[in-house]
Amino acid sequence: MFKTIQSKWKGKRGRIGIPIIFFVSCFSIFILLMIFGIWTASNQILFPKWKGITKDLSDCNREVEGLWGKHCGNIRLTKEFPFSEISIPSINGYRLPGWMVSTKENEKNFDNQKSKVIILVHGGGSDRREVTRYIPFYLSLGMDVISFDLSCHGEAPCHFPGLSFGIRESRDVLSVLVYVKQHYKEIYMFGSSVGGSSVLINLPIISEVKAIIVENPMISFERLISDSKESKSLPKQMINLLVKLVLLRGNFDTMLSPENSMKLTKGIPILLIHSKQDQIVSYLHSKYLSELYLGPSELWCPSYGAHGLIWNSNPSEYESKIREFIDHYKNKRGE
């Protein structure tokens, strides 16, 4: 009888154990898939590749060439403008490669007005070639043009693991400004996406800049992630875990942000440009920043153009808006 009871108990225990093992296995697989998904997402955030471009400036695919121009904006190959190769020391401890295109060398085609310069800062995942399409316009305004590669982009060194969404990049931007101040009195700045956010982070310490144009900046890194369309279907705990993993792997914090900097100063005129069609950073980020800023600002949110590609959709209106903005504040200064 004892053996019969024992055999029955073993049978029940076996039947109970099968669902438990199945549940544990499924749960373990779910956890592994979640970890893999978060790790993969952090890779995409830290090491973005804009439409498949590489760090080799001579590398160019047909899609990017259609957006950035011939040879994907590589003026070494197009020879569109006479230019100088420059190397700018960054306070991050490395040198930033760049190009300088001067109106003095282009005086046959453009008005030659000395001592004006604009610094063009590209977005995350691209390089200085991204902003080449703007060079003719700014030369026509009598400005010399400086473009450069942010750290971990293009030909710039990568001493830290990937993109930091304006934290390290803002120090690169500040380093270029320090370099430019030695040669120019009238300085303007333009930045797109991470480049624009990097410019805005520096607002409290760059009062000498005459005016700033930023396209599709973000409020902060956390808001970029939490407001993304991919985050809408994820639990808040998973989003928080993703943010913490990116910060840990990327070795940066979130104390610096456009949001924090724009509360602290009000002297520099700022034009914020942001497409309502932007699927990466909502135009509401620029709307919020324009309302937050106490200084002179203008907000233009056209209903066309993807992220960083408003100019491509309507170059004449894009350039007209910037020209009017610059002229308006020049007249206010009595220049």
Protein backbone atom coordinates (compact mmCIF):
# COMPACT_ATOMS: atom_id res chain seq x y z
CA MET A 1 0.00 0.00 0.00
CA PHE A 2 2.81 2.39 0.88
CA LYS A 3 4.41 1.74 -2.51
CA THR A 4 1.09 2.47 -4.22
CA ILE A 5 0.70 5.83 -2.44
CA GLN A 6 4.34 6.68 -3.18
CA SER A 7 3.93 5.89 -6.88
CA LYS A 8 0.75 8.00 -7.04
CA TRP A 9 2.58 10.95 -5.37
CA LYS A 10 5.44 10.65 -7.84
CA GLY A 11 2.94 10.75 -10.68
CA LYS A 12 1.23 13.87 -9.33
CA ARG A 13 4.58 15.56 -8.66
CA GLY A 14 5.63 14.80 -12.20
CA ARG A 15 2.41 16.27 -13.61
CA ILE A 16 2.84 19.41 -11.46
CA GLY A 17 6.52 19.76 -12.35
CA ILE A 18 5.96 19.89 -16.10
CA PRO A 19 3.98 23.19 -16.08
CA ILE A 20 6.44 24.74 -13.63
CA ILE A 21 9.40 23.85 -15.84
CA PHE A 22 7.53 25.15 -18.88
CA PHE A 23 6.69 28.42 -17.10
CA VAL A 24 10.28 28.93 -15.89
CA SER A 25 11.60 28.20 -19.38
CA CYS A 26 9.21 30.66 -21.00
CA PHE A 27 9.98 33.31 -18.40
CA SER A 28 13.73 32.83 -18.88
CA ILE A 29 13.37 33.12 -22.65
CA PHE A 30 11.29 36.30 -22.20
CA ILE A 31 13.94 37.84 -19.93
CA LEU A 32 16.72 36.95 -22.37
CA LEU A 33 14.79 38.41 -25.28
CA MET A 34 14.10 41.58 -23.30
CA ILE A 35 17.79 41.95 -22.38
CA PHE A 36 18.79 41.35 -26.00
CA GLY A 37 16.23 43.90 -27.20
CA ILE A 38 17.36 46.58 -24.74
CA TRP A 39 21.03 45.94 -25.55
CA THR A 40 20.31 46.16 -29.29
CA ALA A 41 18.35 49.38 -28.79
CA SER A 42 21.22 50.88 -26.79
CA ASN A 43 23.58 50.05 -29.67
CA GLN A 44 21.34 51.87 -32.12
CA ILE A 45 21.17 54.90 -29.81
CA LEU A 46 24.90 55.08 -29.06
CA PHE A 47 26.16 54.26 -32.55
CA PRO A 48 23.64 55.65 -35.06
CA LYS A 49 24.41 55.36 -38.77
CA TRP A 50 22.68 57.95 -40.91
CA LYS A 51 21.38 56.13 -43.99
CA GLY A 52 24.32 53.72 -44.01
CA ILE A 53 27.17 56.23 -44.20
CA THR A 54 30.56 55.27 -42.75
CA LYS A 55 33.40 57.22 -41.19
CA ASP A 56 35.19 57.17 -44.55
CA LEU A 57 34.40 60.55 -46.15
CA SER A 58 35.09 59.18 -49.60
CA ASP A 59 32.35 56.57 -49.12
CA CYS A 60 29.07 57.67 -50.67
CA ASN A 61 25.85 55.88 -51.52
CA ARG A 62 23.24 57.05 -54.01
CA GLU A 63 20.56 57.88 -51.42
CA VAL A 64 22.82 60.16 -49.38
CA GLU A 65 24.24 61.78 -52.51
CA GLY A 66 20.69 62.73 -53.44
CA LEU A 67 20.34 64.53 -50.10
CA TRP A 68 23.80 65.98 -49.41
CA GLY A 69 24.84 66.69 -52.98
CA LYS A 70 27.54 65.43 -55.32
CA HIS A 71 30.02 63.01 -53.70
CA CYS A 72 27.81 63.24 -50.57
CA GLY A 73 29.04 66.77 -49.86
CA ASN A 74 32.75 65.88 -49.86
CA ILE A 75 34.33 69.12 -51.13
CA ARG A 76 37.70 67.41 -51.45
CA LEU A 77 36.20 65.50 -54.35
CA THR A 78 33.78 68.05 -55.78
CA LYS A 79 36.32 70.90 -55.65
CA GLU A 80 33.26 73.14 -55.54
CA PHE A 81 34.97 75.67 -53.30
CA PRO A 82 38.57 76.54 -52.52
CA PHE A 83 38.97 75.44 -48.90
CA SER A 84 41.49 74.79 -46.15
CA GLU A 85 41.86 71.67 -44.04
CA ILE A 86 41.86 72.66 -40.37
CA SER A 87 42.57 70.78 -37.14
CA ILE A 88 41.06 72.23 -33.98
CA PRO A 89 42.15 71.20 -30.46
CA SER A 90 39.19 70.06 -28.36
CA ILE A 91 39.04 70.50 -24.61
CA ASN A 92 38.06 66.81 -24.60
CA GLY A 93 41.73 66.04 -25.33
CA TYR A 94 41.86 65.33 -29.07
CA ARG A 95 41.81 67.27 -32.34
CA LEU A 96 38.76 67.89 -34.51
CA PRO A 97 39.24 67.79 -38.28
CA GLY A 98 37.37 70.33 -40.34
CA TRP A 99 37.09 72.50 -43.42
CA MET A 100 37.21 76.29 -43.75
CA VAL A 101 35.68 77.89 -46.81
CA SER A 102 36.48 81.59 -47.02
CA THR A 103 34.65 84.37 -48.86
CA LYS A 104 38.04 85.93 -49.60
CA GLU A 105 38.86 82.94 -51.79
CA ASN A 106 35.41 83.08 -53.41
CA GLU A 107 35.17 86.84 -54.01
CA LYS A 108 34.56 86.32 -57.74
CA ASN A 109 31.26 84.65 -56.98
CA PHE A 110 30.20 86.22 -53.68
CA ASP A 111 30.31 89.56 -51.91
CA ASN A 112 33.48 89.85 -49.86
CA GLN A 113 32.62 91.01 -46.35
CA LYS A 114 35.42 90.28 -43.95
CA SER A 115 35.34 89.21 -40.31
CA LYS A 116 32.04 87.25 -40.42
CA VAL A 117 31.93 83.50 -39.92
CA ILE A 118 29.38 80.79 -39.25
CA ILE A 119 30.14 77.50 -37.53
CA LEU A 120 28.08 74.62 -38.94
CA VAL A 121 27.54 71.64 -36.61
CA HIS A 122 26.24 68.38 -38.08
CA GLY A 123 23.81 65.95 -36.46
CA GLY A 124 24.38 62.64 -34.70
CA GLY A 125 25.43 59.72 -36.87
CA SER A 126 26.61 61.86 -39.80
CA ASP A 127 29.67 64.10 -40.35
CA ARG A 128 30.69 67.49 -41.72
CA ARG A 129 29.56 66.54 -45.24
CA GLU A 130 25.95 66.86 -44.04
CA VAL A 131 26.20 70.66 -43.86
CA THR A 132 28.05 71.24 -47.15
CA ARG A 133 24.74 71.97 -48.92
CA TYR A 134 24.38 75.14 -46.79
CA ILE A 135 27.80 76.58 -47.68
CA PRO A 136 26.79 78.52 -50.84
CA PHE A 137 23.97 80.26 -48.96
CA TYR A 138 26.16 81.44 -46.09
CA LEU A 139 28.91 82.52 -48.48
CA SER A 140 26.29 84.65 -50.23
CA LEU A 141 25.71 86.39 -46.88
CA GLY A 142 29.40 87.28 -46.76
CA MET A 143 30.28 84.72 -44.11
CA ASP A 144 33.25 82.40 -44.03
CA VAL A 145 32.11 78.87 -43.20
CA ILE A 146 33.64 76.34 -40.84
CA SER A 147 32.41 72.75 -40.66
CA PHE A 148 33.99 69.96 -38.63
CA ASP A 149 33.48 66.41 -37.39
CA LEU A 150 32.21 65.93 -33.86
CA SER A 151 33.98 63.24 -31.83
CA CYS A 152 33.23 59.68 -32.98
CA HIS A 153 32.01 61.03 -36.33
CA GLY A 154 33.74 61.23 -39.69
CA GLU A 155 37.49 61.50 -39.28
CA ALA A 156 37.38 62.64 -35.64
CA PRO A 157 38.81 60.29 -32.99
CA CYS A 158 36.53 58.32 -30.71
CA HIS A 159 38.07 58.14 -27.24
CA PHE A 160 34.69 57.50 -25.61
CA PRO A 161 32.04 54.92 -26.49
CA GLY A 162 29.75 56.59 -28.99
CA LEU A 163 27.28 59.46 -29.06
CA SER A 164 26.50 61.39 -25.86
CA PHE A 165 23.64 63.54 -27.23
CA GLY A 166 25.32 66.88 -26.65
CA ILE A 167 27.26 66.19 -23.45
CA ARG A 168 30.75 65.60 -24.90
CA GLU A 169 29.77 67.12 -28.24
CA SER A 170 28.98 70.48 -26.61
CA ARG A 171 32.62 70.68 -25.48
CA ASP A 172 33.71 70.05 -29.06
CA VAL A 173 31.47 72.92 -30.17
CA LEU A 174 32.86 75.19 -27.47
CA SER A 175 36.41 74.30 -28.58
CA VAL A 176 35.65 75.32 -32.15
CA LEU A 177 34.20 78.61 -30.90
CA VAL A 178 37.38 79.30 -28.91
CA TYR A 179 39.40 78.66 -32.08
CA VAL A 180 37.16 80.89 -34.20
CA LYS A 181 37.19 83.78 -31.72
CA GLN A 182 40.90 84.24 -32.40
CA HIS A 183 40.17 85.15 -36.02
CA TYR A 184 36.67 86.65 -36.23
CA LYS A 185 34.64 89.36 -34.54
CA GLU A 186 31.19 88.49 -35.86
CA ILE A 187 30.29 84.86 -35.16
CA TYR A 188 27.14 82.92 -36.00
CA MET A 189 26.34 79.29 -35.24
CA PHE A 190 24.13 76.65 -36.84
CA GLY A 191 23.44 73.16 -35.54
CA SER A 192 21.21 70.28 -36.58
CA SER A 193 19.74 67.71 -34.16
CA VAL A 194 22.53 66.68 -31.74
CA GLY A 195 24.59 69.50 -33.24
CA GLY A 196 21.85 72.00 -32.45
CA SER A 197 21.46 70.65 -28.92
CA SER A 198 25.24 70.91 -28.44
CA VAL A 199 25.11 74.58 -29.40
CA LEU A 200 22.19 75.29 -27.05
CA ILE A 201 23.90 73.58 -24.10
CA ASN A 202 26.66 76.20 -24.39
CA LEU A 203 24.27 79.17 -24.33
CA PRO A 204 25.25 80.54 -20.89
CA ILE A 205 28.94 80.83 -21.86
CA ILE A 206 28.86 82.01 -25.51
CA SER A 207 27.45 85.52 -25.18
CA GLU A 208 29.77 86.81 -27.94
CA VAL A 209 27.85 84.90 -30.62
CA LYS A 210 25.65 87.23 -32.71
CA ALA A 211 22.86 84.76 -33.53
CA ILE A 212 22.10 81.04 -33.48
CA ILE A 213 20.09 78.87 -35.86
CA VAL A 214 19.15 75.38 -34.69
CA GLU A 215 17.20 72.72 -36.51
CA ASN A 216 15.29 69.93 -34.74
CA PRO A 217 17.01 70.15 -31.31
CA MET A 218 15.87 68.04 -28.37
CA ILE A 219 14.77 69.16 -24.92
CA SER A 220 17.01 66.58 -23.24
CA PHE A 221 18.23 63.03 -23.80
CA GLU A 222 15.58 61.54 -21.49
CA ARG A 223 12.80 63.38 -23.31
CA LEU A 224 14.17 62.26 -26.66
CA ILE A 225 13.81 58.61 -25.58
CA SER A 226 10.53 58.91 -23.67
CA ASP A 227 8.85 60.94 -26.44
CA SER A 228 9.94 58.66 -29.28
CA LYS A 229 7.22 56.72 -31.07
CA GLU A 230 9.02 53.45 -30.22
CA SER A 231 8.63 54.16 -26.50
CA LYS A 232 4.86 54.60 -26.64
CA SER A 233 4.23 50.85 -26.62
CA LEU A 234 6.82 50.01 -23.95
CA PRO A 235 6.37 49.95 -20.16
CA LYS A 236 7.94 52.85 -18.31
CA GLN A 237 10.26 50.52 -16.39
CA MET A 238 11.75 49.22 -19.64
CA ILE A 239 12.32 52.76 -20.94
CA ASN A 240 14.04 53.73 -17.68
CA LEU A 241 16.22 50.62 -17.92
CA LEU A 242 17.17 51.52 -21.51
CA VAL A 243 18.11 55.08 -20.50
CA LYS A 244 20.26 53.83 -17.63
CA LEU A 245 22.00 51.29 -19.86
CA VAL A 246 22.81 53.94 -22.50
CA LEU A 247 24.17 56.30 -19.85
CA LEU A 248 26.29 53.52 -18.37
CA ARG A 249 27.66 52.26 -21.68
CA GLY A 250 28.08 55.79 -23.08
CA ASN A 251 29.78 57.07 -19.93
CA PHE A 252 27.77 60.31 -19.68
CA ASP A 253 25.11 61.84 -17.44
CA THR A 254 22.12 64.01 -18.22
CA MET A 255 22.80 67.09 -16.11
CA LEU A 256 23.62 69.15 -19.22
CA SER A 257 20.73 69.74 -21.61
CA PRO A 258 19.26 72.49 -23.83
CA GLU A 259 16.37 72.71 -21.37
CA ASN A 260 18.64 73.54 -18.45
CA SER A 261 20.82 75.99 -20.39
CA MET A 262 18.00 77.98 -21.97
CA LYS A 263 16.68 78.93 -18.54
CA LEU A 264 19.94 80.67 -17.65
CA THR A 265 20.47 83.27 -20.37
CA LYS A 266 18.55 85.60 -22.67
CA GLY A 267 21.03 87.58 -24.76
CA ILE A 268 21.47 85.73 -28.06
CA PRO A 269 18.79 85.75 -30.79
CA ILE A 270 17.80 82.17 -31.65
CA LEU A 271 15.90 80.82 -34.64
CA LEU A 272 14.44 77.36 -33.98
CA ILE A 273 13.49 75.38 -37.10
CA HIS A 274 11.57 72.13 -36.77
CA SER A 275 9.40 70.21 -39.22
CA LYS A 276 5.99 69.03 -38.06
CA GLN A 277 6.75 65.89 -40.08
CA ASP A 278 9.82 65.03 -37.98
CA GLN A 279 9.55 61.39 -36.86
CA ILE A 280 12.73 61.35 -34.74
CA VAL A 281 12.42 64.47 -32.57
CA SER A 282 8.93 65.94 -32.25
CA TYR A 283 8.55 69.60 -33.24
CA LEU A 284 7.03 70.06 -29.77
CA HIS A 285 10.61 69.97 -28.43
CA SER A 286 11.47 73.18 -30.30
CA LYS A 287 8.11 74.70 -29.36
CA TYR A 288 8.80 74.03 -25.68
CA LEU A 289 12.36 75.40 -25.89
CA SER A 290 11.19 78.59 -27.62
CA GLU A 291 8.66 79.18 -24.86
CA LEU A 292 11.27 78.45 -22.20
CA TYR A 293 13.86 80.89 -23.57
CA LEU A 294 13.66 84.40 -22.12
CA GLY A 295 15.70 86.02 -24.88
CA PRO A 296 14.75 86.94 -28.46
CA SER A 297 13.67 83.87 -30.39
CA GLU A 298 11.70 82.84 -33.44
CA LEU A 299 10.08 79.49 -34.10
CA TRP A 300 9.42 78.17 -37.61
CA CYS A 301 7.69 74.80 -37.92
CA PRO A 302 6.98 74.04 -41.59
CA SER A 303 4.64 71.20 -42.49
CA TYR A 304 7.23 69.57 -44.78
CA GLY A 305 10.65 67.93 -44.53
CA ALA A 306 11.94 64.91 -42.63
CA HIS A 307 14.40 65.11 -39.72
CA GLY A 308 17.29 67.35 -40.80
CA LEU A 309 15.96 67.62 -44.36
CA ILE A 310 13.77 70.73 -44.39
CA TRP A 311 16.18 72.56 -46.72
CA ASN A 312 15.93 69.74 -49.25
CA SER A 313 12.14 70.13 -49.41
CA ASN A 314 12.15 73.88 -50.00
CA PRO A 315 15.60 75.54 -50.20
CA SER A 316 14.31 78.98 -51.16
CA GLU A 317 11.88 79.32 -48.24
CA TYR A 318 14.42 77.82 -45.82
CA GLU A 319 17.11 80.31 -46.84
CA SER A 320 14.65 83.20 -46.91
CA LYS A 321 13.61 82.53 -43.30
CA ILE A 322 17.24 82.50 -42.13
CA ARG A 323 18.14 85.61 -44.14
CA GLU A 324 15.19 87.53 -42.70
CA PHE A 325 16.10 86.40 -39.17
CA ILE A 326 19.73 87.51 -39.48
CA ASP A 327 18.81 90.83 -41.14
CA HIS A 328 16.17 91.57 -38.50
CA TYR A 329 18.61 91.33 -35.59
CA LYS A 330 21.42 93.07 -37.50
CA ASN A 331 19.08 96.02 -37.99
CA LYS A 332 18.16 95.94 -34.31
CA ARG A 333 21.86 96.19 -33.45
CA GLY A 334 22.18 99.10 -35.87
CA GLU A 335 24.72 97.40 -38.13
